[in-house]
């Protein structure tokens, strides 16, 4: 693969990533908040919370259709839909709808942890997904995965993500039972997005430092 082709692929991957982040903000945070604001006082808070989950669910279904497979996020979407329908049918407690997100983050944390014992951990799987599906790119990723330092770095990140997500679930549970439900409903999705944002920033910094250490310990001979 030529340098120009590689650069073009990297630029396309960055473009797709930015597009995905914007879509996530709109579908997972902005639209749910708008739906709750419009429906509050007109329908029950439980129904408003369930309906506010439609945009994230549609995004998840779209990703499943696009990739033709159910990954961790896709599984969370399916569980979320089933849980929301069950809550609406059985109870009228809005706190249970909000607790749903804690169950999801605990589920995702468990997946990050258990992926350490799989052929490829979850961090590397998502690295593949965001890097594009070009055969040359995937072959390069296959070669990189053979590097023990890559496995060690991504395994450490999986542990950090699992811990971070468990902490988010604990914080959410405390807030649900200390802040008025109709107020916390606005910021429920934003909490997860903030935690994911912090974990993503940590991941980028961690990977940059790991690359610097690798370059220092493996200098290129002229």
N, C-alpha and C. Protein backbone atom coordinates (compact mmCIF):
# COMPACT_ATOMS: atom_id res chain seq x y z
N UNK A 1 0.85 -1.20 0.00
CA UNK A 1 0.00 0.00 0.00
C UNK A 1 0.89 1.24 0.00
N UNK A 2 0.63 2.17 -0.92
CA UNK A 2 1.43 3.38 -1.00
C UNK A 2 1.12 4.32 0.16
N UNK A 3 2.03 5.29 0.38
CA UNK A 3 1.85 6.25 1.47
C UNK A 3 0.59 7.08 1.25
N UNK A 4 0.35 7.46 -0.02
CA UNK A 4 -0.84 8.26 -0.32
C UNK A 4 -2.12 7.49 -0.05
N UNK A 5 -2.12 6.19 -0.40
CA UNK A 5 -3.30 5.36 -0.14
C UNK A 5 -3.53 5.21 1.37
N UNK A 6 -2.44 5.02 2.11
CA UNK A 6 -2.55 4.88 3.55
C UNK A 6 -3.11 6.16 4.18
N UNK A 7 -2.60 7.30 3.70
CA UNK A 7 -3.07 8.58 4.21
C UNK A 7 -4.54 8.80 3.90
N UNK A 8 -4.94 8.40 2.70
CA UNK A 8 -6.35 8.55 2.32
C UNK A 8 -7.24 7.69 3.20
N UNK A 9 -6.80 6.49 3.51
CA UNK A 9 -7.58 5.60 4.38
C UNK A 9 -7.67 6.17 5.79
N UNK A 10 -6.56 6.72 6.30
CA UNK A 10 -6.57 7.31 7.64
C UNK A 10 -7.50 8.51 7.70
N UNK A 11 -7.47 9.34 6.64
CA UNK A 11 -8.35 10.52 6.60
C UNK A 11 -9.82 10.10 6.55
N UNK A 12 -10.11 9.06 5.79
CA UNK A 12 -11.48 8.56 5.70
C UNK A 12 -11.94 7.98 7.03
N UNK A 13 -11.03 7.28 7.71
CA UNK A 13 -11.37 6.71 9.02
C UNK A 13 -11.66 7.82 10.03
N UNK A 14 -10.85 8.88 10.01
CA UNK A 14 -11.07 10.01 10.92
C UNK A 14 -12.39 10.71 10.61
N UNK A 15 -12.69 10.83 9.31
CA UNK A 15 -13.95 11.46 8.90
C UNK A 15 -15.14 10.66 9.39
N UNK A 16 -15.07 9.34 9.25
CA UNK A 16 -16.16 8.47 9.70
C UNK A 16 -16.30 8.51 11.21
N UNK A 17 -15.16 8.60 11.92
CA UNK A 17 -15.21 8.66 13.37
C UNK A 17 -15.87 9.94 13.85
N UNK A 18 -15.52 11.08 13.23
CA UNK A 18 -16.14 12.36 13.59
C UNK A 18 -17.65 12.33 13.32
N UNK A 19 -18.00 11.75 12.19
CA UNK A 19 -19.42 11.63 11.84
C UNK A 19 -20.15 10.77 12.87
N UNK A 20 -19.50 9.69 13.29
CA UNK A 20 -20.10 8.81 14.28
C UNK A 20 -20.28 9.49 15.63
N UNK A 21 -19.30 10.30 16.02
CA UNK A 21 -19.39 11.01 17.30
C UNK A 21 -20.52 12.02 17.29
N UNK A 22 -20.64 12.77 16.19
CA UNK A 22 -21.73 13.75 16.07
C UNK A 22 -23.08 13.06 16.11
N UNK A 23 -23.19 11.94 15.39
CA UNK A 23 -24.44 11.19 15.38
C UNK A 23 -24.77 10.67 16.77
N UNK A 24 -23.75 10.22 17.50
CA UNK A 24 -23.97 9.71 18.85
C UNK A 24 -24.48 10.81 19.78
N UNK A 25 -23.90 12.00 19.67
CA UNK A 25 -24.32 13.12 20.52
C UNK A 25 -25.78 13.47 20.24
N UNK A 26 -26.14 13.53 18.96
CA UNK A 26 -27.51 13.90 18.59
C UNK A 26 -28.50 12.82 19.01
N UNK A 27 -28.20 11.56 18.68
CA UNK A 27 -29.16 10.48 18.91
C UNK A 27 -29.23 10.05 20.37
N UNK A 28 -28.09 10.09 21.07
CA UNK A 28 -28.04 9.55 22.43
C UNK A 28 -28.24 10.61 23.52
N UNK A 29 -28.05 11.88 23.19
CA UNK A 29 -28.15 12.93 24.22
C UNK A 29 -29.17 13.99 23.85
N UNK A 30 -28.99 14.63 22.69
CA UNK A 30 -29.82 15.78 22.33
C UNK A 30 -31.28 15.37 22.15
N UNK A 31 -31.54 14.40 21.28
CA UNK A 31 -32.93 14.01 21.00
C UNK A 31 -33.65 13.45 22.24
N UNK A 32 -33.01 12.58 23.04
CA UNK A 32 -33.69 12.13 24.26
C UNK A 32 -34.07 13.28 25.20
N UNK A 33 -33.19 14.28 25.35
CA UNK A 33 -33.49 15.42 26.20
C UNK A 33 -34.66 16.23 25.64
N UNK A 34 -34.68 16.39 24.32
CA UNK A 34 -35.77 17.14 23.67
C UNK A 34 -37.10 16.41 23.86
N UNK A 35 -37.08 15.08 23.69
CA UNK A 35 -38.30 14.29 23.83
C UNK A 35 -38.85 14.40 25.25
N UNK A 36 -37.97 14.31 26.24
CA UNK A 36 -38.41 14.41 27.63
C UNK A 36 -38.98 15.80 27.91
N UNK A 37 -38.30 16.82 27.39
CA UNK A 37 -38.77 18.20 27.61
C UNK A 37 -40.14 18.43 26.99
N UNK A 38 -40.37 17.89 25.80
CA UNK A 38 -41.65 18.09 25.10
C UNK A 38 -42.77 17.31 25.78
N UNK A 39 -42.47 16.10 26.24
CA UNK A 39 -43.52 15.23 26.77
C UNK A 39 -43.77 15.40 28.27
N UNK A 40 -42.83 16.03 28.98
CA UNK A 40 -43.00 16.13 30.42
C UNK A 40 -44.26 16.93 30.77
N UNK A 41 -45.09 16.35 31.62
CA UNK A 41 -46.34 16.99 32.01
C UNK A 41 -47.51 16.59 31.13
N UNK A 42 -47.21 16.00 29.95
CA UNK A 42 -48.26 15.57 29.03
C UNK A 42 -48.52 14.07 29.14
N UNK A 43 -47.47 13.31 29.44
CA UNK A 43 -47.61 11.87 29.65
C UNK A 43 -46.84 11.53 30.92
N UNK A 44 -46.95 10.30 31.37
CA UNK A 44 -46.22 9.88 32.57
C UNK A 44 -44.72 9.92 32.31
N UNK A 45 -43.94 10.12 33.39
CA UNK A 45 -42.49 10.20 33.24
C UNK A 45 -41.93 8.88 32.73
N UNK A 46 -42.55 7.76 33.13
CA UNK A 46 -42.10 6.45 32.64
C UNK A 46 -42.22 6.38 31.13
N UNK A 47 -43.38 6.78 30.60
CA UNK A 47 -43.59 6.74 29.15
C UNK A 47 -42.65 7.71 28.44
N UNK A 48 -42.45 8.89 29.02
CA UNK A 48 -41.53 9.86 28.42
C UNK A 48 -40.11 9.30 28.34
N UNK A 49 -39.67 8.62 29.41
CA UNK A 49 -38.33 8.04 29.42
C UNK A 49 -38.21 6.91 28.40
N UNK A 50 -39.26 6.10 28.29
CA UNK A 50 -39.24 5.01 27.31
C UNK A 50 -39.17 5.57 25.89
N UNK A 51 -39.99 6.58 25.61
CA UNK A 51 -39.98 7.19 24.27
C UNK A 51 -38.66 7.90 23.99
N UNK A 52 -38.03 8.44 25.03
CA UNK A 52 -36.73 9.11 24.82
C UNK A 52 -35.65 8.10 24.46
N UNK A 53 -35.92 6.82 24.71
CA UNK A 53 -34.95 5.79 24.34
C UNK A 53 -35.06 5.33 22.91
N UNK A 54 -36.05 5.85 22.17
CA UNK A 54 -36.23 5.44 20.78
C UNK A 54 -35.05 5.86 19.89
N UNK A 55 -34.59 7.13 19.95
CA UNK A 55 -33.45 7.51 19.08
C UNK A 55 -32.20 6.65 19.31
N UNK A 56 -31.75 6.42 20.57
CA UNK A 56 -30.60 5.54 20.75
C UNK A 56 -30.85 4.13 20.24
N UNK A 57 -32.10 3.64 20.42
CA UNK A 57 -32.42 2.30 19.93
C UNK A 57 -32.34 2.23 18.41
N UNK A 58 -32.85 3.27 17.73
CA UNK A 58 -32.78 3.31 16.27
C UNK A 58 -31.34 3.35 15.78
N UNK A 59 -30.50 4.10 16.51
CA UNK A 59 -29.08 4.17 16.14
C UNK A 59 -28.44 2.80 16.29
N UNK A 60 -28.76 2.11 17.38
CA UNK A 60 -28.20 0.78 17.60
C UNK A 60 -28.65 -0.21 16.54
N UNK A 61 -29.93 -0.16 16.19
CA UNK A 61 -30.45 -1.05 15.16
C UNK A 61 -29.80 -0.76 13.81
N UNK A 62 -29.57 0.52 13.52
CA UNK A 62 -28.89 0.90 12.28
C UNK A 62 -27.48 0.33 12.23
N UNK A 63 -26.77 0.38 13.37
CA UNK A 63 -25.41 -0.16 13.42
C UNK A 63 -25.41 -1.67 13.22
N UNK A 64 -26.41 -2.34 13.81
CA UNK A 64 -26.51 -3.79 13.63
C UNK A 64 -26.74 -4.13 12.16
N UNK A 65 -27.63 -3.35 11.52
CA UNK A 65 -27.94 -3.57 10.10
C UNK A 65 -26.71 -3.29 9.24
N UNK A 66 -25.95 -2.24 9.59
CA UNK A 66 -24.79 -1.85 8.79
C UNK A 66 -23.68 -2.88 8.88
N UNK A 67 -23.41 -3.35 10.10
CA UNK A 67 -22.29 -4.28 10.30
C UNK A 67 -22.69 -5.74 10.11
N UNK A 68 -24.02 -5.98 10.06
CA UNK A 68 -24.54 -7.34 9.90
C UNK A 68 -24.10 -8.25 11.05
N UNK A 69 -23.87 -7.66 12.23
CA UNK A 69 -23.53 -8.47 13.40
C UNK A 69 -23.93 -7.72 14.67
N UNK A 70 -24.12 -8.48 15.74
CA UNK A 70 -24.50 -7.89 17.02
C UNK A 70 -23.27 -7.85 17.91
N UNK A 71 -22.72 -6.65 18.11
CA UNK A 71 -21.58 -6.50 19.01
C UNK A 71 -22.08 -6.15 20.40
N UNK A 72 -21.17 -5.67 21.27
CA UNK A 72 -21.54 -5.35 22.65
C UNK A 72 -22.60 -4.26 22.71
N UNK A 73 -22.41 -3.22 21.88
CA UNK A 73 -23.38 -2.12 21.87
C UNK A 73 -24.72 -2.59 21.33
N UNK A 74 -24.68 -3.41 20.29
CA UNK A 74 -25.93 -3.94 19.74
C UNK A 74 -26.68 -4.79 20.74
N UNK A 75 -25.93 -5.58 21.50
CA UNK A 75 -26.57 -6.41 22.53
C UNK A 75 -27.21 -5.53 23.60
N UNK A 76 -26.53 -4.43 23.96
CA UNK A 76 -27.09 -3.50 24.94
C UNK A 76 -28.38 -2.88 24.44
N UNK A 77 -28.43 -2.56 23.16
CA UNK A 77 -29.64 -1.97 22.58
C UNK A 77 -30.81 -2.94 22.69
N UNK A 78 -30.58 -4.19 22.33
CA UNK A 78 -31.64 -5.19 22.40
C UNK A 78 -32.13 -5.37 23.84
N UNK A 79 -31.18 -5.47 24.77
CA UNK A 79 -31.55 -5.60 26.18
C UNK A 79 -32.33 -4.39 26.66
N UNK A 80 -31.92 -3.20 26.22
CA UNK A 80 -32.59 -1.96 26.62
C UNK A 80 -34.04 -1.94 26.16
N UNK A 81 -34.27 -2.34 24.91
CA UNK A 81 -35.63 -2.36 24.37
C UNK A 81 -36.51 -3.34 25.15
N UNK A 82 -35.99 -4.53 25.39
CA UNK A 82 -36.76 -5.54 26.12
C UNK A 82 -37.06 -5.08 27.54
N UNK A 83 -36.05 -4.51 28.20
CA UNK A 83 -36.22 -4.04 29.58
C UNK A 83 -37.26 -2.93 29.66
N UNK A 84 -37.18 -1.98 28.73
CA UNK A 84 -38.11 -0.84 28.74
C UNK A 84 -39.55 -1.30 28.56
N UNK A 85 -39.76 -2.22 27.62
CA UNK A 85 -41.12 -2.74 27.38
C UNK A 85 -41.63 -3.46 28.63
N UNK A 86 -40.76 -4.23 29.27
CA UNK A 86 -41.15 -4.97 30.47
C UNK A 86 -41.54 -4.03 31.60
N UNK A 87 -40.75 -2.95 31.78
CA UNK A 87 -41.04 -1.99 32.85
C UNK A 87 -42.38 -1.31 32.61
N UNK A 88 -42.64 -0.92 31.37
CA UNK A 88 -43.91 -0.25 31.06
C UNK A 88 -45.09 -1.17 31.35
N UNK A 89 -44.93 -2.46 31.05
CA UNK A 89 -46.03 -3.40 31.25
C UNK A 89 -46.26 -3.75 32.72
N UNK A 90 -45.20 -3.72 33.53
CA UNK A 90 -45.30 -4.22 34.89
C UNK A 90 -45.35 -3.15 35.98
N UNK A 91 -44.82 -1.97 35.72
CA UNK A 91 -44.74 -0.98 36.79
C UNK A 91 -44.82 0.43 36.23
N UNK A 92 -44.92 1.39 37.15
CA UNK A 92 -44.97 2.80 36.75
C UNK A 92 -43.87 3.59 37.46
N UNK A 93 -42.75 2.90 37.75
CA UNK A 93 -41.65 3.53 38.49
C UNK A 93 -40.58 4.01 37.51
N UNK A 94 -40.43 5.35 37.34
CA UNK A 94 -39.44 5.87 36.39
C UNK A 94 -38.01 5.56 36.79
N UNK A 95 -37.78 5.33 38.10
CA UNK A 95 -36.42 5.03 38.54
C UNK A 95 -35.89 3.75 37.91
N UNK A 96 -36.78 2.80 37.65
CA UNK A 96 -36.36 1.55 37.03
C UNK A 96 -35.87 1.77 35.60
N UNK A 97 -36.50 2.71 34.90
CA UNK A 97 -36.04 3.04 33.55
C UNK A 97 -34.64 3.63 33.60
N UNK A 98 -34.41 4.50 34.59
CA UNK A 98 -33.10 5.12 34.72
C UNK A 98 -32.05 4.10 35.16
N UNK A 99 -32.47 3.15 36.00
CA UNK A 99 -31.55 2.10 36.44
C UNK A 99 -31.13 1.21 35.28
N UNK A 100 -31.96 1.15 34.24
CA UNK A 100 -31.65 0.35 33.05
C UNK A 100 -30.26 0.67 32.53
N UNK A 101 -29.89 1.95 32.52
CA UNK A 101 -28.59 2.35 31.99
C UNK A 101 -27.45 1.82 32.86
N UNK A 102 -27.70 1.71 34.18
CA UNK A 102 -26.69 1.12 35.06
C UNK A 102 -26.50 -0.36 34.75
N UNK A 103 -27.60 -1.06 34.50
CA UNK A 103 -27.49 -2.47 34.12
C UNK A 103 -26.70 -2.62 32.82
N UNK A 104 -26.91 -1.69 31.90
CA UNK A 104 -26.22 -1.76 30.61
C UNK A 104 -24.72 -1.55 30.78
N UNK A 105 -24.34 -0.56 31.60
CA UNK A 105 -22.90 -0.29 31.77
C UNK A 105 -22.22 -1.41 32.54
N UNK A 106 -22.93 -2.03 33.49
CA UNK A 106 -22.37 -3.19 34.18
C UNK A 106 -22.18 -4.34 33.19
N UNK A 107 -23.15 -4.54 32.32
CA UNK A 107 -23.07 -5.58 31.29
C UNK A 107 -21.87 -5.32 30.38
N UNK A 108 -21.69 -4.07 29.96
CA UNK A 108 -20.57 -3.73 29.09
C UNK A 108 -19.24 -3.89 29.82
N UNK A 109 -19.20 -3.52 31.10
CA UNK A 109 -17.98 -3.70 31.89
C UNK A 109 -17.59 -5.17 31.97
N UNK A 110 -18.59 -6.03 32.15
CA UNK A 110 -18.33 -7.48 32.19
C UNK A 110 -17.77 -7.96 30.86
N UNK A 111 -18.32 -7.42 29.76
CA UNK A 111 -17.82 -7.81 28.43
C UNK A 111 -16.37 -7.39 28.24
N UNK A 112 -16.02 -6.19 28.70
CA UNK A 112 -14.62 -5.75 28.60
C UNK A 112 -13.71 -6.68 29.39
N UNK A 113 -14.17 -7.06 30.58
CA UNK A 113 -13.36 -7.93 31.41
C UNK A 113 -13.21 -9.33 30.83
N UNK A 114 -14.30 -9.92 30.40
CA UNK A 114 -14.25 -11.29 29.86
C UNK A 114 -13.54 -11.35 28.50
N UNK A 115 -13.50 -10.21 27.79
CA UNK A 115 -12.84 -10.22 26.47
C UNK A 115 -11.33 -10.44 26.60
N UNK A 116 -10.79 -10.29 27.82
CA UNK A 116 -9.37 -10.56 28.03
C UNK A 116 -9.03 -12.02 27.75
N UNK A 117 -10.03 -12.89 27.84
CA UNK A 117 -9.81 -14.32 27.65
C UNK A 117 -10.25 -14.79 26.27
N UNK A 118 -10.61 -13.83 25.40
CA UNK A 118 -11.03 -14.17 24.04
C UNK A 118 -9.86 -14.04 23.08
N UNK A 119 -10.10 -14.43 21.83
CA UNK A 119 -9.04 -14.37 20.82
C UNK A 119 -8.53 -12.94 20.64
N UNK A 120 -9.44 -11.99 20.62
CA UNK A 120 -9.10 -10.56 20.59
C UNK A 120 -9.95 -9.85 21.63
N UNK A 121 -9.32 -8.93 22.38
CA UNK A 121 -10.10 -8.23 23.39
C UNK A 121 -10.99 -7.16 22.76
N UNK A 122 -11.88 -6.60 23.55
CA UNK A 122 -12.90 -5.69 23.02
C UNK A 122 -12.30 -4.40 22.48
N UNK A 123 -11.25 -3.92 23.12
CA UNK A 123 -10.59 -2.70 22.63
C UNK A 123 -10.07 -2.91 21.21
N UNK A 124 -9.44 -4.04 20.97
CA UNK A 124 -8.88 -4.30 19.63
C UNK A 124 -9.99 -4.53 18.60
N UNK A 125 -11.09 -5.14 19.03
CA UNK A 125 -12.22 -5.35 18.12
C UNK A 125 -12.78 -4.01 17.65
N UNK A 126 -12.92 -3.06 18.59
CA UNK A 126 -13.43 -1.75 18.20
C UNK A 126 -12.40 -0.97 17.39
N UNK A 127 -11.11 -1.21 17.64
CA UNK A 127 -10.07 -0.59 16.83
C UNK A 127 -10.21 -1.05 15.37
N UNK A 128 -10.50 -2.33 15.19
CA UNK A 128 -10.74 -2.86 13.84
C UNK A 128 -11.95 -2.17 13.20
N UNK A 129 -13.01 -2.05 13.98
CA UNK A 129 -14.25 -1.48 13.45
C UNK A 129 -14.05 -0.04 13.01
N UNK A 130 -13.34 0.75 13.81
CA UNK A 130 -13.15 2.17 13.50
C UNK A 130 -12.07 2.38 12.44
N UNK A 131 -11.25 1.38 12.19
CA UNK A 131 -10.16 1.54 11.22
C UNK A 131 -10.60 1.29 9.78
N UNK A 132 -11.85 0.85 9.61
CA UNK A 132 -12.34 0.56 8.27
C UNK A 132 -12.15 -0.91 7.94
N UNK A 133 -12.76 -1.33 6.85
CA UNK A 133 -12.78 -2.75 6.50
C UNK A 133 -11.94 -3.06 5.26
N UNK A 134 -11.03 -2.15 4.90
CA UNK A 134 -10.17 -2.42 3.76
C UNK A 134 -9.26 -3.62 4.07
N UNK A 135 -9.13 -4.57 3.15
CA UNK A 135 -8.33 -5.78 3.41
C UNK A 135 -6.90 -5.48 3.85
N UNK A 136 -6.25 -4.48 3.23
CA UNK A 136 -4.87 -4.14 3.60
C UNK A 136 -4.81 -3.65 5.04
N UNK A 137 -5.79 -2.83 5.43
CA UNK A 137 -5.82 -2.32 6.80
C UNK A 137 -6.00 -3.45 7.79
N UNK A 138 -6.90 -4.39 7.48
CA UNK A 138 -7.14 -5.51 8.38
C UNK A 138 -5.92 -6.42 8.48
N UNK A 139 -5.18 -6.58 7.39
CA UNK A 139 -3.95 -7.38 7.43
C UNK A 139 -2.91 -6.72 8.32
N UNK A 140 -2.80 -5.40 8.23
CA UNK A 140 -1.86 -4.68 9.09
C UNK A 140 -2.24 -4.84 10.56
N UNK A 141 -3.55 -4.79 10.84
CA UNK A 141 -4.00 -4.98 12.21
C UNK A 141 -3.71 -6.39 12.70
N UNK A 142 -3.81 -7.38 11.80
CA UNK A 142 -3.49 -8.75 12.16
C UNK A 142 -2.02 -8.86 12.59
N UNK A 143 -1.14 -8.19 11.84
CA UNK A 143 0.28 -8.22 12.16
C UNK A 143 0.56 -7.50 13.48
N UNK A 144 -0.09 -6.38 13.69
CA UNK A 144 0.12 -5.64 14.94
C UNK A 144 -0.34 -6.44 16.15
N UNK A 145 -1.43 -7.21 15.98
CA UNK A 145 -1.97 -7.98 17.09
C UNK A 145 -1.01 -9.08 17.56
N UNK A 146 -0.08 -9.46 16.69
CA UNK A 146 0.91 -10.48 17.06
C UNK A 146 1.95 -9.92 18.02
N UNK A 147 2.01 -8.59 18.13
CA UNK A 147 2.96 -7.94 19.02
C UNK A 147 2.49 -8.06 20.47
N UNK A 148 3.27 -8.68 21.36
CA UNK A 148 2.86 -8.84 22.76
C UNK A 148 2.57 -7.51 23.46
N UNK A 149 3.29 -6.44 23.06
CA UNK A 149 3.06 -5.15 23.69
C UNK A 149 1.68 -4.59 23.34
N UNK A 150 1.23 -4.85 22.11
CA UNK A 150 -0.11 -4.42 21.70
C UNK A 150 -1.16 -5.13 22.56
N UNK A 151 -0.98 -6.43 22.75
CA UNK A 151 -1.93 -7.18 23.56
C UNK A 151 -1.92 -6.69 25.00
N UNK A 152 -0.72 -6.45 25.55
CA UNK A 152 -0.61 -5.99 26.93
C UNK A 152 -1.26 -4.62 27.11
N UNK A 153 -1.01 -3.71 26.16
CA UNK A 153 -1.57 -2.36 26.25
C UNK A 153 -3.09 -2.38 26.17
N UNK A 154 -3.63 -3.12 25.21
CA UNK A 154 -5.08 -3.15 25.04
C UNK A 154 -5.76 -3.93 26.17
N UNK A 155 -5.08 -4.94 26.73
CA UNK A 155 -5.64 -5.64 27.88
C UNK A 155 -5.76 -4.70 29.09
N UNK A 156 -4.73 -3.89 29.29
CA UNK A 156 -4.77 -2.90 30.37
C UNK A 156 -5.92 -1.91 30.17
N UNK A 157 -6.11 -1.49 28.92
CA UNK A 157 -7.20 -0.56 28.63
C UNK A 157 -8.56 -1.21 28.88
N UNK A 158 -8.69 -2.49 28.57
CA UNK A 158 -9.95 -3.19 28.85
C UNK A 158 -10.27 -3.16 30.34
N UNK A 159 -9.24 -3.36 31.16
CA UNK A 159 -9.44 -3.33 32.61
C UNK A 159 -9.86 -1.94 33.06
N UNK A 160 -9.20 -0.91 32.51
CA UNK A 160 -9.54 0.48 32.86
C UNK A 160 -10.98 0.79 32.47
N UNK A 161 -11.39 0.37 31.28
CA UNK A 161 -12.76 0.61 30.82
C UNK A 161 -13.76 -0.12 31.70
N UNK A 162 -13.45 -1.34 32.07
CA UNK A 162 -14.36 -2.10 32.94
C UNK A 162 -14.54 -1.39 34.28
N UNK A 163 -13.44 -0.92 34.86
CA UNK A 163 -13.51 -0.21 36.14
C UNK A 163 -14.29 1.10 35.99
N UNK A 164 -13.99 1.85 34.91
CA UNK A 164 -14.68 3.12 34.68
C UNK A 164 -16.18 2.97 34.51
N UNK A 165 -16.58 1.94 33.78
CA UNK A 165 -18.01 1.70 33.55
C UNK A 165 -18.71 1.25 34.83
N UNK A 166 -18.04 0.46 35.65
CA UNK A 166 -18.62 0.06 36.93
C UNK A 166 -18.79 1.27 37.85
N UNK A 167 -17.82 2.17 37.82
CA UNK A 167 -17.93 3.39 38.62
C UNK A 167 -19.10 4.25 38.13
N UNK A 168 -19.30 4.31 36.81
CA UNK A 168 -20.42 5.08 36.26
C UNK A 168 -21.74 4.50 36.75
N UNK A 169 -21.84 3.18 36.77
CA UNK A 169 -23.07 2.54 37.23
C UNK A 169 -23.34 2.87 38.70
N UNK A 170 -22.29 2.85 39.52
CA UNK A 170 -22.46 3.17 40.95
C UNK A 170 -22.88 4.62 41.14
N UNK A 171 -22.23 5.54 40.41
CA UNK A 171 -22.57 6.96 40.51
C UNK A 171 -24.02 7.20 40.08
N UNK A 172 -24.44 6.53 39.01
CA UNK A 172 -25.79 6.69 38.51
C UNK A 172 -26.82 6.23 39.55
N UNK A 173 -26.56 5.11 40.17
CA UNK A 173 -27.50 4.58 41.17
C UNK A 173 -27.64 5.56 42.33
N UNK A 174 -26.52 6.13 42.78
CA UNK A 174 -26.56 7.11 43.87
C UNK A 174 -27.36 8.34 43.46
N UNK A 175 -27.12 8.84 42.24
CA UNK A 175 -27.81 10.04 41.77
C UNK A 175 -29.31 9.80 41.59
N UNK A 176 -29.66 8.61 41.12
CA UNK A 176 -31.08 8.29 40.90
C UNK A 176 -31.88 8.42 42.20
N UNK A 177 -31.24 8.03 43.31
CA UNK A 177 -31.96 8.03 44.58
C UNK A 177 -31.65 9.24 45.47
N UNK A 178 -30.90 10.23 44.90
CA UNK A 178 -30.63 11.45 45.67
C UNK A 178 -31.12 12.71 44.96
N UNK A 179 -31.29 12.64 43.63
CA UNK A 179 -31.75 13.79 42.85
C UNK A 179 -33.18 13.51 42.38
N UNK A 180 -34.07 14.52 42.39
CA UNK A 180 -35.43 14.31 41.88
C UNK A 180 -35.42 13.66 40.50
N UNK A 181 -36.25 12.66 40.32
CA UNK A 181 -36.24 11.86 39.09
C UNK A 181 -36.48 12.70 37.85
N UNK A 182 -37.41 13.66 37.92
CA UNK A 182 -37.73 14.46 36.74
C UNK A 182 -36.58 15.37 36.34
N UNK A 183 -35.66 15.66 37.28
CA UNK A 183 -34.48 16.47 36.95
C UNK A 183 -33.36 15.59 36.40
N UNK A 184 -33.10 14.47 37.07
CA UNK A 184 -32.02 13.59 36.63
C UNK A 184 -32.31 12.97 35.26
N UNK A 185 -33.60 12.85 34.92
CA UNK A 185 -33.97 12.28 33.63
C UNK A 185 -33.32 13.02 32.47
N UNK A 186 -33.14 14.35 32.63
CA UNK A 186 -32.53 15.14 31.56
C UNK A 186 -31.07 14.78 31.36
N UNK A 187 -30.39 14.44 32.45
CA UNK A 187 -28.93 14.30 32.39
C UNK A 187 -28.47 12.85 32.43
N UNK A 188 -29.42 11.92 32.42
CA UNK A 188 -29.06 10.51 32.52
C UNK A 188 -28.14 10.08 31.38
N UNK A 189 -28.53 10.35 30.14
CA UNK A 189 -27.72 9.96 28.99
C UNK A 189 -26.41 10.73 28.93
N UNK A 190 -26.44 12.00 29.36
CA UNK A 190 -25.24 12.82 29.32
C UNK A 190 -24.17 12.27 30.27
N UNK A 191 -24.60 11.69 31.40
CA UNK A 191 -23.65 11.13 32.36
C UNK A 191 -22.81 10.05 31.71
N UNK A 192 -23.47 9.13 31.01
CA UNK A 192 -22.74 8.05 30.34
C UNK A 192 -21.81 8.61 29.27
N UNK A 193 -22.29 9.61 28.53
CA UNK A 193 -21.47 10.18 27.46
C UNK A 193 -20.22 10.84 28.04
N UNK A 194 -20.36 11.52 29.18
CA UNK A 194 -19.20 12.16 29.83
C UNK A 194 -18.19 11.10 30.25
N UNK A 195 -18.67 10.01 30.86
CA UNK A 195 -17.78 8.94 31.29
C UNK A 195 -17.08 8.31 30.08
N UNK A 196 -17.83 8.04 29.02
CA UNK A 196 -17.23 7.47 27.81
C UNK A 196 -16.21 8.43 27.20
N UNK A 197 -16.51 9.74 27.25
CA UNK A 197 -15.58 10.74 26.73
C UNK A 197 -14.28 10.75 27.51
N UNK A 198 -14.38 10.69 28.85
CA UNK A 198 -13.18 10.68 29.69
C UNK A 198 -12.36 9.42 29.46
N UNK A 199 -13.05 8.29 29.34
CA UNK A 199 -12.34 7.03 29.07
C UNK A 199 -11.67 7.06 27.70
N UNK A 200 -12.32 7.68 26.73
CA UNK A 200 -11.74 7.78 25.37
C UNK A 200 -10.49 8.66 25.38
N UNK A 201 -10.55 9.78 26.11
CA UNK A 201 -9.38 10.67 26.21
C UNK A 201 -8.24 9.94 26.90
N UNK A 202 -8.56 9.25 27.99
CA UNK A 202 -7.52 8.47 28.69
C UNK A 202 -6.90 7.43 27.75
N UNK A 203 -7.74 6.79 26.95
CA UNK A 203 -7.25 5.76 26.02
C UNK A 203 -6.28 6.36 25.01
N UNK A 204 -6.62 7.53 24.45
CA UNK A 204 -5.74 8.16 23.46
C UNK A 204 -4.40 8.53 24.07
N UNK A 205 -4.43 9.10 25.29
CA UNK A 205 -3.18 9.48 25.96
C UNK A 205 -2.36 8.24 26.31
N UNK A 206 -3.03 7.21 26.79
CA UNK A 206 -2.35 5.97 27.17
C UNK A 206 -1.68 5.33 25.96
N UNK A 207 -2.39 5.29 24.84
CA UNK A 207 -1.84 4.69 23.62
C UNK A 207 -0.66 5.52 23.10
N UNK A 208 -0.77 6.84 23.13
CA UNK A 208 0.34 7.71 22.69
C UNK A 208 1.59 7.45 23.53
N UNK A 209 1.43 7.36 24.84
CA UNK A 209 2.58 7.09 25.71
C UNK A 209 3.16 5.71 25.44
N UNK A 210 2.28 4.73 25.19
CA UNK A 210 2.75 3.37 24.91
C UNK A 210 3.55 3.34 23.61
N UNK A 211 3.09 4.09 22.60
CA UNK A 211 3.82 4.15 21.33
C UNK A 211 5.18 4.80 21.51
N UNK A 212 5.25 5.85 22.33
CA UNK A 212 6.53 6.55 22.58
C UNK A 212 7.51 5.61 23.27
N UNK A 213 7.01 4.85 24.26
CA UNK A 213 7.88 3.91 24.97
C UNK A 213 8.37 2.82 24.03
N UNK A 214 7.48 2.36 23.14
CA UNK A 214 7.88 1.32 22.20
C UNK A 214 8.93 1.84 21.22
N UNK A 215 8.72 3.07 20.74
CA UNK A 215 9.67 3.67 19.80
C UNK A 215 11.02 3.89 20.47
N UNK A 216 11.01 4.26 21.77
CA UNK A 216 12.27 4.50 22.48
C UNK A 216 13.02 3.20 22.72
N UNK A 217 12.29 2.12 22.98
CA UNK A 217 12.94 0.85 23.27
C UNK A 217 13.27 0.06 22.00
N UNK A 218 12.71 0.49 20.84
CA UNK A 218 12.97 -0.18 19.58
C UNK A 218 13.35 0.84 18.51
N UNK A 219 14.53 1.48 18.67
CA UNK A 219 14.93 2.50 17.69
C UNK A 219 15.19 1.90 16.33
N UNK A 220 14.87 2.66 15.31
CA UNK A 220 15.10 2.20 13.92
C UNK A 220 16.55 2.46 13.54
N UNK A 221 17.26 1.41 13.19
CA UNK A 221 18.66 1.56 12.79
C UNK A 221 18.77 2.15 11.40
N UNK A 222 19.69 3.10 11.20
CA UNK A 222 19.83 3.69 9.86
C UNK A 222 20.43 2.67 8.88
